[in-house]
Amino acid sequence: METSNAAAAGSDRAWELAAVRRIEADFQRSSDTHLIPLSLPGFPEVDLYLKDESSHPTGSLKHRLARSLFLYALCNGWLRQGTTVVEASSGSTAISEAYFARLLSLPFVAVMPAVTSTEKIAAIEFQGGRCHLVDDPSTIGSESRRLAAERGGHFLDQFTYAERATDWRANNNIAESIFQQMRLERYPVPEWIVSGAGTGGTVATIGRYVRYCARTTRVCAADPENSVFFDHYLTRQPDLCLHVGSRIEGIGRPRVESSFLPQVIDAMVAVPDVWSLAAMHELTARLGRSVGASTGSNLIATLACMAWMRERGVRGSVVTLLCDSGDRYRNTYYSESWLQQAGLGCQRERAALAVTLDTGQVADELSAAWRRAGELAPE
């Protein structure tokens, strides 16, 4: 019996080592993502850069997180050959995780809100994953735990493990990449780095890395409607909860997640959904390529940081994230009929935003709509 158990343990270890090698080999085949400069006439003394995470093999920022979560699970001994992997996700994380599950020949189930775009569902299924849709977004975590237990599988749980799975000092660190790519720019050390608050893992990684390297860079998080992160940043109340989910896929949560660390960020901007979508459409026009709505949220928060710099006469650079392509949202955010039905028609807001970007003067409509906290709070 002891010999049999030892042989089984040796087989599991051999599989784990081979799995880690496959993931690392996949990483070595990929180059870093691009840093794209975007000139804005209204802010001549502020250089804006977009970290294009849509160029990952699975098309979004979440590719980094999925890789880290799989490595974390493997190195903790939570995955075995044949283990069913389960995740709670609104789409992009699940697409990336389905990719890595396929790489390791593991079954994958994504538990997602029923309103998730059909494009994202198709992308998960293309990678060999299965989608389990729920009507109540607040139940995706409990439903994921139930499915994992039922199948003897493992719940990756991005909302718990995102901030600890990613090594904030190196190894797949987006912050390290940003600072390396900025070395030869006019203002090599960004005044601000801006990221949406989704799991909280990316913002935590950036905030920790900035402190670890003793940089003066400030970190700002963007939060959409129907998310508790902004109010948690203000109050630090851990039990905040909503009964509706975010309409900006990929960011915003109805409850406080353990991966969100408000103490490592310097400011937050709460962005109304209509302004996120207006920014998405305006940025798409200015880049000549489509972006997703979470990138629109980032742009609005970035604009708050740039206005903060302008008010203080600060010259410098700002970096934000281009999270994914707009191709995944053709039937939602890029459909005028869908926008109207959702009450998110944004032509007026887009026109006001264009004036802001071209003149540097924040439109009254926007200043009345967003909420700012931390370094960006009105004095």
Protein backbone atom coordinates (compact mmCIF):
# COMPACT_ATOMS: atom_id res chain seq x y z
CA MET A 1 0.00 0.00 0.00
CA GLU A 2 2.79 2.45 0.89
CA THR A 3 4.55 1.63 -2.38
CA SER A 4 1.33 2.24 -4.30
CA ASN A 5 0.77 5.59 -2.56
CA ALA A 6 4.36 6.64 -3.22
CA ALA A 7 4.00 5.76 -6.90
CA ALA A 8 0.78 7.79 -7.15
CA ALA A 9 2.43 10.75 -5.44
CA GLY A 10 5.37 10.51 -7.82
CA SER A 11 3.02 10.42 -10.79
CA ASP A 12 1.18 13.52 -9.52
CA ARG A 13 4.46 15.37 -9.00
CA ALA A 14 5.68 14.46 -12.47
CA TRP A 15 2.45 15.78 -13.95
CA GLU A 16 2.72 19.02 -11.94
CA LEU A 17 6.28 19.62 -13.11
CA ALA A 18 5.32 18.99 -16.72
CA ALA A 19 2.33 21.35 -16.35
CA VAL A 20 4.49 24.16 -14.98
CA ARG A 21 6.96 23.66 -17.84
CA ARG A 22 4.14 23.89 -20.40
CA ILE A 23 2.94 27.19 -18.96
CA GLU A 24 6.45 28.62 -18.78
CA ALA A 25 7.18 27.49 -22.35
CA ASP A 26 4.00 29.23 -23.47
CA PHE A 27 5.16 32.41 -21.72
CA GLN A 28 8.54 32.25 -23.45
CA ARG A 29 6.79 32.12 -26.84
CA SER A 30 5.03 35.41 -26.11
CA SER A 31 6.53 38.90 -26.30
CA ASP A 32 5.60 41.77 -24.02
CA THR A 33 2.59 43.95 -24.79
CA HIS A 34 3.00 47.32 -26.50
CA LEU A 35 2.92 50.75 -24.88
CA ILE A 36 1.00 53.07 -27.22
CA PRO A 37 1.36 56.88 -26.96
CA LEU A 38 -1.81 58.92 -27.46
CA SER A 39 -1.49 62.64 -28.09
CA LEU A 40 -4.29 64.78 -26.66
CA PRO A 41 -4.33 68.44 -27.84
CA GLY A 42 -5.79 69.72 -24.57
CA PHE A 43 -2.91 68.34 -22.50
CA PRO A 44 0.35 69.22 -24.31
CA GLU A 45 2.48 68.86 -21.16
CA VAL A 46 1.09 65.45 -20.23
CA ASP A 47 2.16 62.36 -22.17
CA LEU A 48 -0.45 59.61 -22.16
CA TYR A 49 0.36 55.96 -22.86
CA LEU A 50 -1.91 52.93 -23.23
CA LYS A 51 -0.55 49.54 -22.17
CA ASP A 52 -2.11 47.34 -24.86
CA GLU A 53 -3.10 44.16 -23.06
CA SER A 54 -5.36 43.10 -25.94
CA SER A 55 -2.30 41.70 -27.73
CA HIS A 56 -2.00 38.71 -25.37
CA PRO A 57 -2.79 35.31 -26.93
CA THR A 58 -6.26 35.39 -25.36
CA GLY A 59 -6.84 39.07 -26.12
CA SER A 60 -6.99 40.76 -22.74
CA LEU A 61 -5.28 41.87 -19.55
CA LYS A 62 -6.66 38.76 -17.84
CA HIS A 63 -4.14 36.54 -19.63
CA ARG A 64 -1.52 37.58 -17.06
CA LEU A 65 -3.88 36.81 -14.17
CA ALA A 66 -4.94 33.42 -15.56
CA ARG A 67 -1.33 32.36 -15.98
CA SER A 68 -0.54 33.39 -12.40
CA LEU A 69 -3.62 31.66 -10.98
CA PHE A 70 -2.76 28.38 -12.71
CA LEU A 71 0.85 28.52 -11.53
CA TYR A 72 -0.32 29.36 -8.01
CA ALA A 73 -2.74 26.43 -7.97
CA LEU A 74 -0.13 24.05 -9.37
CA CYS A 75 2.60 25.11 -6.95
CA ASN A 76 0.17 24.76 -4.03
CA GLY A 77 -0.67 21.21 -5.10
CA TRP A 78 -4.31 22.01 -5.85
CA LEU A 79 -4.40 20.67 -9.40
CA ARG A 80 -3.96 17.10 -10.53
CA GLN A 81 -4.19 15.43 -13.91
CA GLY A 82 -7.86 15.40 -14.91
CA THR A 83 -8.96 17.96 -12.28
CA THR A 84 -12.00 19.99 -13.34
CA VAL A 85 -11.14 23.68 -13.05
CA VAL A 86 -13.98 26.07 -12.16
CA GLU A 87 -13.98 29.87 -12.17
CA ALA A 88 -16.44 32.70 -11.44
CA SER A 89 -15.97 35.24 -14.21
CA SER A 90 -17.79 37.77 -16.38
CA GLY A 91 -15.84 36.60 -19.40
CA SER A 92 -12.27 37.72 -20.08
CA THR A 93 -10.68 35.90 -17.13
CA ALA A 94 -12.56 32.75 -18.09
CA ILE A 95 -11.40 33.00 -21.72
CA SER A 96 -7.78 33.16 -20.58
CA GLU A 97 -8.24 30.39 -18.01
CA ALA A 98 -9.92 28.17 -20.61
CA TYR A 99 -6.80 28.66 -22.73
CA PHE A 100 -4.50 27.44 -19.95
CA ALA A 101 -6.86 24.60 -19.01
CA ARG A 102 -6.74 23.46 -22.63
CA LEU A 103 -2.94 23.75 -22.58
CA LEU A 104 -2.91 21.31 -19.62
CA SER A 105 -5.76 19.10 -20.96
CA LEU A 106 -7.97 19.93 -17.96
CA PRO A 107 -11.78 20.29 -18.09
CA PHE A 108 -12.88 23.89 -17.50
CA VAL A 109 -16.21 25.39 -16.41
CA ALA A 110 -16.87 29.15 -16.31
CA VAL A 111 -19.67 30.35 -14.05
CA MET A 112 -20.87 33.67 -15.46
CA PRO A 113 -23.78 36.12 -15.33
CA ALA A 114 -26.41 35.30 -17.94
CA VAL A 115 -25.94 38.77 -19.48
CA THR A 116 -22.33 38.06 -20.50
CA SER A 117 -21.76 38.86 -24.19
CA THR A 118 -22.26 36.03 -26.68
CA GLU A 119 -18.81 36.82 -28.12
CA LYS A 120 -17.15 36.01 -24.79
CA ILE A 121 -19.15 32.82 -24.37
CA ALA A 122 -18.11 31.73 -27.86
CA ALA A 123 -14.45 32.50 -27.07
CA ILE A 124 -14.57 30.32 -23.94
CA GLU A 125 -16.17 27.47 -25.85
CA PHE A 126 -13.60 27.85 -28.64
CA GLN A 127 -10.89 27.13 -26.05
CA GLY A 128 -12.74 23.99 -24.99
CA GLY A 129 -14.40 25.41 -21.88
CA ARG A 130 -18.03 25.10 -20.82
CA CYS A 131 -20.19 28.04 -19.71
CA HIS A 132 -22.56 27.78 -16.75
CA LEU A 133 -24.79 30.87 -16.73
CA VAL A 134 -26.59 32.25 -13.65
CA ASP A 135 -29.29 34.92 -13.48
CA ASP A 136 -28.07 36.50 -10.24
CA PRO A 137 -24.47 37.81 -10.63
CA SER A 138 -23.99 37.81 -6.87
CA THR A 139 -24.19 34.00 -6.80
CA ILE A 140 -21.35 33.18 -9.19
CA GLY A 141 -18.93 32.54 -6.33
CA SER A 142 -21.20 30.20 -4.37
CA GLU A 143 -22.26 28.41 -7.54
CA SER A 144 -18.61 27.93 -8.52
CA ARG A 145 -17.82 26.40 -5.13
CA ARG A 146 -20.82 24.08 -5.48
CA LEU A 147 -19.82 22.91 -8.95
CA ALA A 148 -16.20 22.36 -7.94
CA ALA A 149 -17.24 20.27 -4.92
CA GLU A 150 -19.75 18.31 -6.99
CA ARG A 151 -17.10 17.40 -9.58
CA GLY A 152 -14.20 16.91 -7.18
CA GLY A 153 -12.59 19.84 -8.93
CA HIS A 154 -10.83 23.07 -7.98
CA PHE A 155 -12.30 26.58 -7.81
CA LEU A 156 -9.55 28.98 -8.93
CA ASP A 157 -11.34 31.91 -7.19
CA GLN A 158 -9.76 34.93 -8.84
CA PHE A 159 -11.43 37.31 -6.41
CA THR A 160 -9.62 35.76 -3.44
CA TYR A 161 -6.28 34.88 -4.98
CA ALA A 162 -5.60 37.54 -7.61
CA GLU A 163 -3.44 39.79 -5.43
CA ARG A 164 -1.42 36.94 -3.92
CA ALA A 165 -1.01 34.78 -7.04
CA THR A 166 0.87 37.49 -8.96
CA ASP A 167 4.43 38.16 -7.84
CA TRP A 168 4.43 41.94 -7.45
CA ARG A 169 8.25 42.10 -7.42
CA ALA A 170 8.82 40.31 -10.76
CA ASN A 171 7.50 37.29 -12.77
CA ASN A 172 4.66 38.37 -15.07
CA ASN A 173 4.45 41.76 -13.38
CA ILE A 174 2.71 44.39 -15.50
CA ALA A 175 4.12 47.25 -13.39
CA GLU A 176 7.71 46.14 -13.98
CA SER A 177 6.97 45.98 -17.70
CA ILE A 178 5.55 49.52 -17.73
CA PHE A 179 8.60 51.04 -16.03
CA GLN A 180 10.99 49.17 -18.32
CA GLN A 181 9.16 50.38 -21.44
CA MET A 182 9.05 53.97 -20.20
CA ARG A 183 12.81 54.30 -19.68
CA LEU A 184 13.53 56.34 -22.84
CA GLU A 185 10.41 58.51 -22.82
CA ARG A 186 10.33 62.26 -22.13
CA TYR A 187 8.98 61.60 -18.62
CA PRO A 188 10.20 58.07 -17.82
CA VAL A 189 8.65 57.82 -14.34
CA PRO A 190 4.85 58.17 -14.64
CA GLU A 191 3.08 60.62 -12.40
CA TRP A 192 0.07 58.27 -12.41
CA ILE A 193 -0.72 54.70 -13.41
CA VAL A 194 -4.45 54.05 -13.82
CA SER A 195 -6.22 50.69 -13.75
CA GLY A 196 -9.79 49.51 -13.36
CA ALA A 197 -10.81 47.76 -10.16
CA GLY A 198 -11.90 44.27 -11.19
CA THR A 199 -10.54 41.54 -8.94
CA GLY A 200 -8.25 44.16 -7.42
CA GLY A 201 -5.18 42.11 -8.32
CA THR A 202 -3.76 44.39 -11.00
CA VAL A 203 -4.15 47.54 -8.90
CA ALA A 204 -2.59 45.76 -5.91
CA THR A 205 0.35 44.58 -8.01
CA ILE A 206 0.99 48.08 -9.36
CA GLY A 207 0.64 49.72 -5.94
CA ARG A 208 2.99 47.24 -4.28
CA TYR A 209 5.58 47.42 -7.02
CA VAL A 210 5.66 51.23 -6.92
CA ARG A 211 6.41 51.08 -3.21
CA TYR A 212 8.90 48.23 -3.57
CA CYS A 213 10.91 50.25 -6.12
CA ALA A 214 10.54 53.49 -4.14
CA ARG A 215 8.89 55.28 -7.07
CA THR A 216 7.01 58.57 -6.72
CA THR A 217 4.30 57.32 -9.09
CA ARG A 218 0.73 57.50 -7.79
CA VAL A 219 -1.81 54.76 -8.48
CA CYS A 220 -5.44 55.46 -9.35
CA ALA A 221 -8.26 52.91 -9.63
CA ALA A 222 -11.36 53.33 -11.81
CA ASP A 223 -14.64 51.88 -10.58
CA PRO A 224 -17.92 51.63 -12.55
CA GLU A 225 -21.53 51.85 -11.42
CA ASN A 226 -22.97 48.93 -9.44
CA SER A 227 -19.67 48.29 -7.69
CA VAL A 228 -18.77 48.65 -4.02
CA PHE A 229 -15.05 49.27 -4.36
CA PHE A 230 -15.25 53.09 -4.44
CA ASP A 231 -17.41 53.26 -1.32
CA HIS A 232 -15.16 50.70 0.38
CA TYR A 233 -12.18 52.93 -0.43
CA LEU A 234 -13.98 55.79 1.33
CA THR A 235 -15.30 53.90 4.35
CA ARG A 236 -13.21 50.70 4.63
CA GLN A 237 -16.45 48.86 5.48
CA PRO A 238 -15.88 45.17 4.59
CA ASP A 239 -19.53 44.13 4.37
CA LEU A 240 -20.73 46.45 1.58
CA CYS A 241 -22.96 44.60 -0.86
CA LEU A 242 -25.16 45.26 -3.89
CA HIS A 243 -27.78 43.04 -5.49
CA VAL A 244 -26.99 44.04 -9.06
CA GLY A 245 -23.87 43.49 -11.12
CA SER A 246 -21.67 45.88 -13.08
CA ARG A 247 -22.65 46.58 -16.68
CA ILE A 248 -19.00 47.25 -17.56
CA GLU A 249 -17.69 43.74 -18.12
CA GLY A 250 -14.39 42.94 -16.45
CA ILE A 251 -14.47 45.53 -13.67
CA GLY A 252 -16.66 46.34 -10.67
CA ARG A 253 -17.95 43.97 -8.00
CA PRO A 254 -21.18 43.82 -5.94
CA ARG A 255 -19.23 42.95 -2.79
CA VAL A 256 -15.83 43.70 -1.27
CA GLU A 257 -13.29 41.14 -2.46
CA SER A 258 -10.22 40.18 -0.47
CA SER A 259 -7.95 40.89 -3.46
CA PHE A 260 -8.86 44.58 -3.42
CA LEU A 261 -6.33 46.44 -1.25
CA PRO A 262 -7.37 50.11 -0.92
CA GLN A 263 -4.34 50.95 1.22
CA VAL A 264 -1.92 50.52 -1.72
CA ILE A 265 -3.66 52.97 -4.06
CA ASP A 266 -3.60 56.76 -3.91
CA ALA A 267 -6.91 57.70 -5.49
CA MET A 268 -10.14 56.38 -6.98
CA VAL A 269 -12.60 57.65 -9.55
CA ALA A 270 -16.17 56.35 -9.70
CA VAL A 271 -17.21 56.47 -13.36
CA PRO A 272 -20.86 56.48 -14.50
CA ASP A 273 -21.46 53.79 -17.13
CA VAL A 274 -22.61 56.24 -19.77
CA TRP A 275 -19.26 58.07 -19.51
CA SER A 276 -17.32 54.79 -19.70
CA LEU A 277 -19.09 54.02 -22.97
CA ALA A 278 -18.67 57.54 -24.30
CA ALA A 279 -14.93 57.29 -23.61
CA MET A 280 -14.81 53.85 -25.22
CA HIS A 281 -16.33 55.19 -28.45
CA GLU A 282 -14.24 58.36 -28.49
CA LEU A 283 -10.99 56.47 -27.83
CA THR A 284 -11.87 53.98 -30.55
CA ALA A 285 -12.19 56.84 -33.03
CA ARG A 286 -8.91 58.42 -31.96
CA LEU A 287 -6.94 55.16 -31.99
CA GLY A 288 -8.43 53.80 -35.20
CA ARG A 289 -9.19 50.48 -33.48
CA SER A 290 -11.91 49.34 -31.11
CA VAL A 291 -11.50 48.99 -27.35
CA GLY A 292 -13.73 47.60 -24.61
CA ALA A 293 -15.78 49.51 -22.06
CA SER A 294 -13.38 48.92 -19.16
CA THR A 295 -10.76 50.82 -21.17
CA GLY A 296 -13.30 53.64 -21.41
CA SER A 297 -13.60 53.64 -17.62
CA ASN A 298 -9.82 53.82 -17.38
CA LEU A 299 -9.73 56.79 -19.75
CA ILE A 300 -12.19 58.78 -17.63
CA ALA A 301 -10.14 58.12 -14.49
CA THR A 302 -6.97 58.96 -16.45
CA LEU A 303 -8.54 62.26 -17.47
CA ALA A 304 -9.13 63.03 -13.78
CA CYS A 305 -5.42 62.44 -13.13
CA MET A 306 -4.41 64.61 -16.09
CA ALA A 307 -6.72 67.39 -14.93
CA TRP A 308 -5.18 67.11 -11.45
CA MET A 309 -1.74 67.59 -13.03
CA ARG A 310 -2.90 70.50 -15.17
CA GLU A 311 -4.41 72.29 -12.16
CA ARG A 312 -1.08 72.06 -10.35
CA GLY A 313 1.15 72.86 -13.31
CA VAL A 314 2.71 69.39 -13.20
CA ARG A 315 4.35 68.08 -16.36
CA GLY A 316 4.77 64.36 -16.77
CA SER A 317 3.40 61.09 -18.05
CA VAL A 318 0.37 58.95 -17.28
CA VAL A 319 -0.04 55.28 -18.14
CA THR A 320 -3.34 53.41 -18.29
CA LEU A 321 -4.44 50.02 -19.54
CA LEU A 322 -6.09 49.08 -22.82
CA CYS A 323 -7.74 46.02 -21.36
CA ASP A 324 -9.27 44.27 -24.37
CA SER A 325 -10.58 44.76 -27.88
CA GLY A 326 -14.05 46.01 -28.69
CA ASP A 327 -14.57 43.03 -30.99
CA ARG A 328 -16.04 41.12 -28.05
CA TYR A 329 -18.84 43.66 -27.68
CA ARG A 330 -20.18 44.12 -31.21
CA ASN A 331 -23.68 43.11 -30.15
CA THR A 332 -23.71 45.15 -26.94
CA TYR A 333 -21.57 48.25 -26.39
CA TYR A 334 -21.12 48.81 -30.14
CA SER A 335 -24.79 48.29 -30.97
CA GLU A 336 -26.80 51.52 -30.97
CA SER A 337 -30.06 49.62 -30.44
CA TRP A 338 -28.58 47.81 -27.42
CA LEU A 339 -27.32 51.09 -25.96
CA GLN A 340 -30.72 52.70 -26.31
CA GLN A 341 -32.54 49.74 -24.78
CA ALA A 342 -30.11 49.76 -21.86
CA GLY A 343 -30.54 53.51 -21.36
CA LEU A 344 -26.88 54.07 -22.22
CA GLY A 345 -27.05 56.23 -25.30
CA CYS A 346 -23.93 58.36 -24.96
CA GLN A 347 -23.67 60.72 -27.94
CA ARG A 348 -24.03 63.85 -25.80
CA GLU A 349 -21.42 62.65 -23.31
CA ARG A 350 -19.05 61.69 -26.10
CA ALA A 351 -19.30 65.18 -27.62
CA ALA A 352 -18.55 66.76 -24.24
CA LEU A 353 -15.62 64.39 -23.73
CA ALA A 354 -14.16 65.26 -27.14
CA VAL A 355 -14.17 68.94 -26.17
CA THR A 356 -12.43 68.09 -22.89
CA LEU A 357 -9.71 66.08 -24.65
CA ASP A 358 -9.14 68.83 -27.21
CA THR A 359 -9.17 71.82 -24.84
CA GLY A 360 -8.06 70.42 -21.49
CA GLN A 361 -11.07 71.94 -19.76
CA VAL A 362 -13.19 69.30 -18.03
CA ALA A 363 -16.78 69.49 -19.22
CA ASP A 364 -19.26 70.59 -16.56
CA GLU A 365 -21.35 67.49 -17.27
CA LEU A 366 -18.41 65.22 -16.47
CA SER A 367 -17.27 67.08 -13.36
CA ALA A 368 -20.81 66.76 -12.04
CA ALA A 369 -21.02 63.06 -12.87
CA TRP A 370 -17.83 61.45 -11.61
CA ARG A 371 -16.82 61.00 -7.98
CA ARG A 372 -13.21 61.34 -6.92
CA ALA A 373 -11.46 60.30 -3.73
CA GLY A 374 -7.97 60.22 -2.28
CA GLU A 375 -5.39 62.44 -3.98
CA LEU A 376 -7.98 63.52 -6.56
CA ALA A 377 -10.63 64.66 -4.10
CA PRO A 378 -11.50 68.37 -4.46
CA GLU A 379 -9.64 70.45 -1.93
